[in-house]
Amino acid sequence: MSTTSIPVAAAATPPQPPRPARPRRGQVVRAVLRRPAGAASVGFVALLALLAVFGPLVAPHDPDAQNLALRFADPSWTHPFGTDDFGRDVLSRMIEASRITILAPLISVGIAVLIGLPVGMLAAIRGGWVDAIAGRLADTVLALPALVGALAIVAILGPGLITTMIAVGIIFTPTMFRVVRGSAVAVAEETFVHSAMAIGSSRRRILVVHVLPNIAAPLMVQVTILMGVALLVEASLSFLGLGVQPPDASWGSMLEAAYANQFKAPYAVVPPGVAMVLTVLAFNTIGDAIRDAVGIRRRV
């Protein structure tokens, strides 16, 4: 008498919610670098980063060395950008200031992302009183002009690079919150998010796995834009004497010195001014290239 084995059905696994196709990081990077403007902007920012790290090794002179006999010297082979009101080499101080150019936006935008990103995503998913309270706080800070709010915080914390960038980061946080929340609300209405909720995925998993990757494009664009704005705000506060303190070099403080001596050295404003324009333009161009690259990959 033969026995027939009855197959046992395997335990059914809960269905996983479908995820939208996302571009790989390498594809986005290649798409950005294929654009001439994007590649030039990335190269310019990379050059600034290298100067910030290896500036003391490539600077032709000591940026703090004074020579009053060479005050307001014209550009020459020894001093390609001339000298300032203390006889210091302008090119060497420009190279030293590149450290502030990279460090200051990273601090301020990092604070804005650290606070605005999780609060914005949580407000979009939770809604209710969390969204209401966070939204009202953001509206209150946004009602203040950015520079005025930064001045008020610096007046409380005191002048200096770190306190200045903390103030700028606090001012940028509501903007980051609004961008993240708006993008996350749109993603939260997608089918794959509702499917993840239906199968019991935790809120943390939904935010990290489903929401965050799908708001990366507007987030990166906003980060690059705020990097340029942070540079301008830092330069403005240094111009007013509330940012980087002497003898440290900053493009904003160099502009202030050039403005104070505009009749003695009318061209001293050109090096820091042009450097600031190119840096802000590079940050904005990188953001536009990332946005276009992600958009193209999603349509493909």
Protein backbone atom coordinates (compact mmCIF):
# COMPACT_ATOMS: atom_id res chain seq x y z
CA MET A 1 0.00 0.00 0.00
CA SER A 2 1.60 3.21 -1.14
CA THR A 3 1.32 6.46 0.70
CA THR A 4 0.96 9.76 -1.01
CA SER A 5 2.74 12.73 0.54
CA ILE A 6 0.71 15.86 0.83
CA PRO A 7 2.73 19.02 0.04
CA VAL A 8 2.76 21.53 2.84
CA ALA A 9 2.22 25.10 1.73
CA ALA A 10 5.05 27.43 2.62
CA ALA A 11 4.30 30.23 5.00
CA ALA A 12 3.10 33.17 3.02
CA THR A 13 5.25 36.27 3.33
CA PRO A 14 3.54 39.62 3.44
CA PRO A 15 3.70 41.41 0.11
CA GLN A 16 6.19 44.22 -0.10
CA PRO A 17 4.99 47.58 -1.37
CA PRO A 18 6.23 48.47 -4.83
CA ARG A 19 8.86 51.15 -4.93
CA PRO A 20 9.22 53.68 -7.70
CA ALA A 21 12.30 53.41 -9.86
CA ARG A 22 15.02 55.69 -8.59
CA PRO A 23 18.19 56.72 -10.40
CA ARG A 24 21.43 55.34 -9.08
CA ARG A 25 23.92 57.74 -7.59
CA GLY A 26 26.52 56.92 -10.20
CA GLN A 27 24.06 57.67 -12.98
CA VAL A 28 23.17 61.02 -11.47
CA VAL A 29 26.85 61.94 -11.05
CA ARG A 30 27.62 61.00 -14.64
CA ALA A 31 24.61 62.98 -15.87
CA VAL A 32 25.81 66.05 -13.95
CA LEU A 33 29.38 65.76 -15.18
CA ARG A 34 28.26 65.33 -18.79
CA ARG A 35 26.93 68.87 -18.72
CA PRO A 36 29.73 71.41 -19.37
CA ALA A 37 28.33 73.87 -16.84
CA GLY A 38 27.85 71.15 -14.23
CA ALA A 39 31.35 69.73 -14.72
CA ALA A 40 32.90 73.21 -14.53
CA SER A 41 30.97 74.03 -11.35
CA VAL A 42 31.92 70.74 -9.68
CA GLY A 43 35.55 71.34 -10.64
CA PHE A 44 35.47 74.87 -9.23
CA VAL A 45 34.01 73.74 -5.90
CA ALA A 46 36.49 70.86 -5.77
CA LEU A 47 39.32 73.35 -6.34
CA LEU A 48 38.06 75.47 -3.46
CA ALA A 49 37.93 72.38 -1.25
CA LEU A 50 41.52 71.50 -2.16
CA LEU A 51 42.65 75.05 -1.44
CA ALA A 52 40.84 74.91 1.90
CA VAL A 53 42.77 71.77 2.85
CA PHE A 54 46.16 72.43 1.27
CA GLY A 55 46.07 76.25 1.29
CA PRO A 56 49.07 76.73 3.61
CA LEU A 57 51.17 74.59 1.27
CA VAL A 58 50.34 76.46 -1.94
CA ALA A 59 50.04 80.04 -0.65
CA PRO A 60 52.99 82.07 -1.99
CA HIS A 61 53.29 84.15 1.22
CA ASP A 62 52.24 84.11 4.84
CA PRO A 63 48.68 85.51 4.73
CA ASP A 64 49.20 87.34 8.05
CA ALA A 65 52.68 88.74 7.34
CA GLN A 66 52.57 92.55 7.26
CA ASN A 67 54.86 94.86 5.31
CA LEU A 68 53.76 98.48 5.69
CA ALA A 69 56.30 99.55 3.06
CA LEU A 70 54.24 97.66 0.45
CA ARG A 71 50.78 98.97 1.34
CA PHE A 72 48.40 98.96 -1.66
CA ALA A 73 51.06 97.57 -3.99
CA ASP A 74 49.94 96.98 -7.57
CA PRO A 75 49.72 93.43 -8.95
CA SER A 76 53.12 91.99 -9.83
CA TRP A 77 54.84 88.63 -10.23
CA THR A 78 55.61 88.63 -6.50
CA HIS A 79 52.07 89.66 -5.51
CA PRO A 80 49.70 88.66 -8.37
CA PHE A 81 46.68 90.33 -6.73
CA GLY A 82 48.64 93.13 -5.05
CA THR A 83 48.66 93.87 -1.32
CA ASP A 84 46.14 95.26 1.14
CA ASP A 85 46.21 98.16 3.62
CA PHE A 86 48.65 96.27 5.87
CA GLY A 87 50.94 95.15 3.06
CA ARG A 88 49.67 91.56 3.20
CA ASP A 89 49.56 89.47 0.03
CA VAL A 90 45.98 89.44 -1.28
CA LEU A 91 46.34 86.12 -3.14
CA SER A 92 47.56 84.36 0.00
CA ARG A 93 44.65 85.76 1.99
CA MET A 94 42.22 84.72 -0.74
CA ILE A 95 43.55 81.17 -0.49
CA GLU A 96 43.27 81.23 3.29
CA ALA A 97 39.71 82.57 3.05
CA SER A 98 38.70 79.59 0.88
CA ARG A 99 38.65 77.57 4.10
CA ILE A 100 35.93 79.84 5.45
CA THR A 101 34.13 79.66 2.10
CA ILE A 102 33.75 75.89 2.42
CA LEU A 103 33.43 75.57 6.20
CA ALA A 104 30.85 78.30 6.83
CA PRO A 105 28.14 77.00 4.42
CA LEU A 106 28.72 73.43 5.60
CA ILE A 107 28.09 74.41 9.23
CA SER A 108 24.99 76.51 8.58
CA VAL A 109 23.35 74.23 5.99
CA GLY A 110 24.27 71.18 8.09
CA ILE A 111 22.37 72.64 11.04
CA ALA A 112 19.38 73.42 8.82
CA VAL A 113 19.32 69.88 7.41
CA LEU A 114 19.87 68.28 10.81
CA ILE A 115 16.80 70.04 12.21
CA GLY A 116 14.57 70.71 9.22
CA LEU A 117 14.82 67.31 7.49
CA PRO A 118 13.52 65.00 10.25
CA VAL A 119 10.98 67.52 11.52
CA GLY A 120 9.66 68.15 7.99
CA MET A 121 9.27 64.45 7.18
CA LEU A 122 7.69 63.71 10.56
CA ALA A 123 5.23 66.59 10.16
CA ALA A 124 4.24 65.31 6.72
CA ILE A 125 3.62 61.74 7.91
CA ARG A 126 2.08 62.46 11.32
CA GLY A 127 0.09 65.59 10.52
CA GLY A 128 -2.20 66.83 13.26
CA TRP A 129 -0.72 68.78 16.16
CA VAL A 130 2.86 67.94 15.17
CA ASP A 131 2.39 69.54 11.77
CA ALA A 132 0.51 72.49 13.25
CA ILE A 133 3.11 73.35 15.89
CA ALA A 134 6.08 72.88 13.55
CA GLY A 135 4.39 74.94 10.86
CA ARG A 136 3.63 77.84 13.18
CA LEU A 137 7.19 77.91 14.51
CA ALA A 138 8.52 77.92 10.96
CA ASP A 139 6.16 80.76 10.00
CA THR A 140 7.32 82.78 13.00
CA VAL A 141 10.99 82.52 12.04
CA LEU A 142 10.25 83.09 8.35
CA ALA A 143 8.47 86.33 9.25
CA LEU A 144 11.85 87.79 10.27
CA PRO A 145 14.22 89.03 7.56
CA ALA A 146 17.13 86.57 7.34
CA LEU A 147 19.92 89.06 7.93
CA VAL A 148 18.06 90.81 10.76
CA GLY A 149 17.37 87.50 12.48
CA ALA A 150 21.01 86.46 12.10
CA LEU A 151 22.13 89.81 13.54
CA ALA A 152 19.85 89.32 16.55
CA ILE A 153 21.20 85.83 17.26
CA VAL A 154 24.81 86.97 16.79
CA ALA A 155 24.17 89.84 19.19
CA ILE A 156 23.15 87.26 21.81
CA LEU A 157 25.84 84.66 21.14
CA GLY A 158 28.64 87.05 20.26
CA PRO A 159 30.65 87.52 17.04
CA GLY A 160 32.74 84.78 15.49
CA LEU A 161 32.54 82.19 12.71
CA ILE A 162 30.89 79.40 14.71
CA THR A 163 28.25 81.58 16.36
CA THR A 164 27.56 83.32 13.06
CA MET A 165 27.01 80.07 11.23
CA ILE A 166 24.83 78.71 14.04
CA ALA A 167 22.68 81.82 13.66
CA VAL A 168 22.50 81.38 9.89
CA GLY A 169 21.63 77.69 10.31
CA ILE A 170 18.74 78.57 12.63
CA ILE A 171 17.47 81.11 10.12
CA PHE A 172 17.69 78.54 7.29
CA THR A 173 15.88 75.80 9.21
CA PRO A 174 12.28 76.96 8.43
CA THR A 175 13.07 77.13 4.72
CA MET A 176 14.47 73.61 4.78
CA PHE A 177 11.46 72.45 6.81
CA ARG A 178 9.02 73.89 4.27
CA VAL A 179 10.78 72.30 1.29
CA VAL A 180 11.05 68.90 2.98
CA ARG A 181 7.48 68.94 4.28
CA GLY A 182 6.00 69.96 0.92
CA SER A 183 7.89 67.21 -0.92
CA ALA A 184 7.17 64.61 1.78
CA VAL A 185 3.42 65.37 1.75
CA ALA A 186 3.32 64.63 -1.97
CA VAL A 187 5.25 61.38 -1.50
CA ALA A 188 3.08 60.35 1.46
CA GLU A 189 0.05 60.24 -0.84
CA GLU A 190 1.67 57.70 -3.15
CA THR A 191 0.42 54.12 -3.31
CA PHE A 192 3.68 52.54 -2.14
CA VAL A 193 3.58 54.55 1.11
CA HIS A 194 -0.03 53.48 1.81
CA SER A 195 0.96 49.89 1.04
CA ALA A 196 3.86 50.11 3.50
CA MET A 197 1.49 51.39 6.17
CA ALA A 198 -1.01 48.61 5.41
CA ILE A 199 1.52 45.81 5.96
CA GLY A 200 2.60 47.32 9.27
CA SER A 201 5.91 48.99 8.41
CA SER A 202 7.17 51.25 11.15
CA ARG A 203 7.05 54.99 10.70
CA ARG A 204 10.83 55.13 10.86
CA ARG A 205 11.17 52.61 8.04
CA ILE A 206 8.64 54.48 5.93
CA LEU A 207 10.53 57.74 6.38
CA VAL A 208 13.99 56.33 5.73
CA VAL A 209 13.24 53.76 3.02
CA HIS A 210 10.29 55.25 1.14
CA VAL A 211 10.08 59.00 1.77
CA LEU A 212 13.68 60.19 2.06
CA PRO A 213 14.99 58.73 -1.25
CA ASN A 214 12.04 60.24 -3.13
CA ILE A 215 12.59 63.77 -1.83
CA ALA A 216 16.33 63.69 -2.51
CA ALA A 217 16.10 65.83 -5.67
CA PRO A 218 14.39 68.91 -4.15
CA LEU A 219 16.45 68.44 -0.99
CA MET A 220 19.75 68.54 -2.89
CA VAL A 221 18.66 71.54 -4.92
CA GLN A 222 17.70 73.41 -1.76
CA VAL A 223 20.98 72.45 -0.08
CA THR A 224 23.07 73.82 -2.95
CA ILE A 225 21.05 77.02 -3.09
CA LEU A 226 21.40 77.53 0.66
CA MET A 227 25.15 76.92 0.39
CA GLY A 228 25.43 79.97 -1.85
CA VAL A 229 23.10 82.04 0.31
CA ALA A 230 25.06 81.05 3.44
CA LEU A 231 28.25 82.28 1.80
CA LEU A 232 26.62 85.64 1.05
CA VAL A 233 25.22 85.96 4.58
CA GLU A 234 28.59 85.08 6.11
CA ALA A 235 30.28 87.65 3.90
CA SER A 236 27.69 90.26 4.87
CA LEU A 237 28.19 89.63 8.59
CA SER A 238 31.98 89.66 8.18
CA PHE A 239 31.62 92.92 6.24
CA LEU A 240 29.81 94.34 9.27
CA GLY A 241 32.49 93.00 11.63
CA LEU A 242 30.29 90.30 13.21
CA GLY A 243 31.63 87.26 11.38
CA VAL A 244 35.24 86.16 11.03
CA GLN A 245 37.43 88.23 13.34
CA PRO A 246 40.88 89.65 12.48
CA PRO A 247 43.48 88.55 11.67
CA ASP A 248 41.63 85.62 10.03
CA ALA A 249 40.81 86.19 6.38
CA SER A 250 37.33 86.16 4.90
CA TRP A 251 36.11 87.38 1.55
CA GLY A 252 33.56 89.54 3.35
CA SER A 253 36.16 91.22 5.58
CA MET A 254 38.40 91.70 2.53
CA LEU A 255 35.51 93.46 0.78
CA GLU A 256 35.07 95.70 3.83
CA ALA A 257 38.76 96.65 3.76
CA ALA A 258 38.57 97.31 0.01
CA TYR A 259 35.50 99.50 0.51
CA ALA A 260 37.23 101.50 3.26
CA ASN A 261 40.21 102.12 0.95
CA GLN A 262 38.41 102.36 -2.36
CA PHE A 263 40.17 105.58 -3.37
CA LYS A 264 43.64 104.27 -2.54
CA ALA A 265 43.16 100.84 -4.12
CA PRO A 266 40.10 100.95 -6.42
CA TYR A 267 40.66 97.44 -7.80
CA ALA A 268 41.03 95.68 -4.43
CA VAL A 269 37.33 94.79 -4.47
CA VAL A 270 37.69 92.70 -7.65
CA PRO A 271 39.38 89.48 -6.35
CA PRO A 272 37.02 88.74 -3.42
CA GLY A 273 33.98 90.03 -5.30
CA VAL A 274 34.58 87.89 -8.37
CA ALA A 275 35.40 84.87 -6.22
CA MET A 276 32.11 85.20 -4.35
CA VAL A 277 30.09 85.56 -7.56
CA LEU A 278 31.72 82.49 -9.12
CA THR A 279 31.26 80.40 -5.98
CA VAL A 280 27.56 81.22 -5.58
CA LEU A 281 27.04 80.61 -9.30
CA ALA A 282 28.80 77.24 -9.02
CA PHE A 283 26.60 76.12 -6.12
CA ASN A 284 23.41 77.10 -7.95
CA THR A 285 24.55 75.45 -11.19
CA ILE A 286 25.30 72.19 -9.38
CA GLY A 287 21.83 72.23 -7.84
CA ASP A 288 20.17 72.81 -11.22
CA ALA A 289 22.24 70.03 -12.79
CA ILE A 290 21.28 67.57 -10.04
CA ARG A 291 17.61 68.47 -10.39
CA ASP A 292 17.68 68.02 -14.17
CA ALA A 293 19.64 64.77 -13.92
CA VAL A 294 17.21 63.21 -11.44
CA GLY A 295 14.23 64.39 -13.46
CA ILE A 296 15.62 62.93 -16.67
CA ARG A 297 16.38 59.59 -15.06
CA ARG A 298 12.87 59.35 -13.61
CA ARG A 299 11.28 60.00 -16.99
CA VAL A 300 13.39 57.35 -18.71
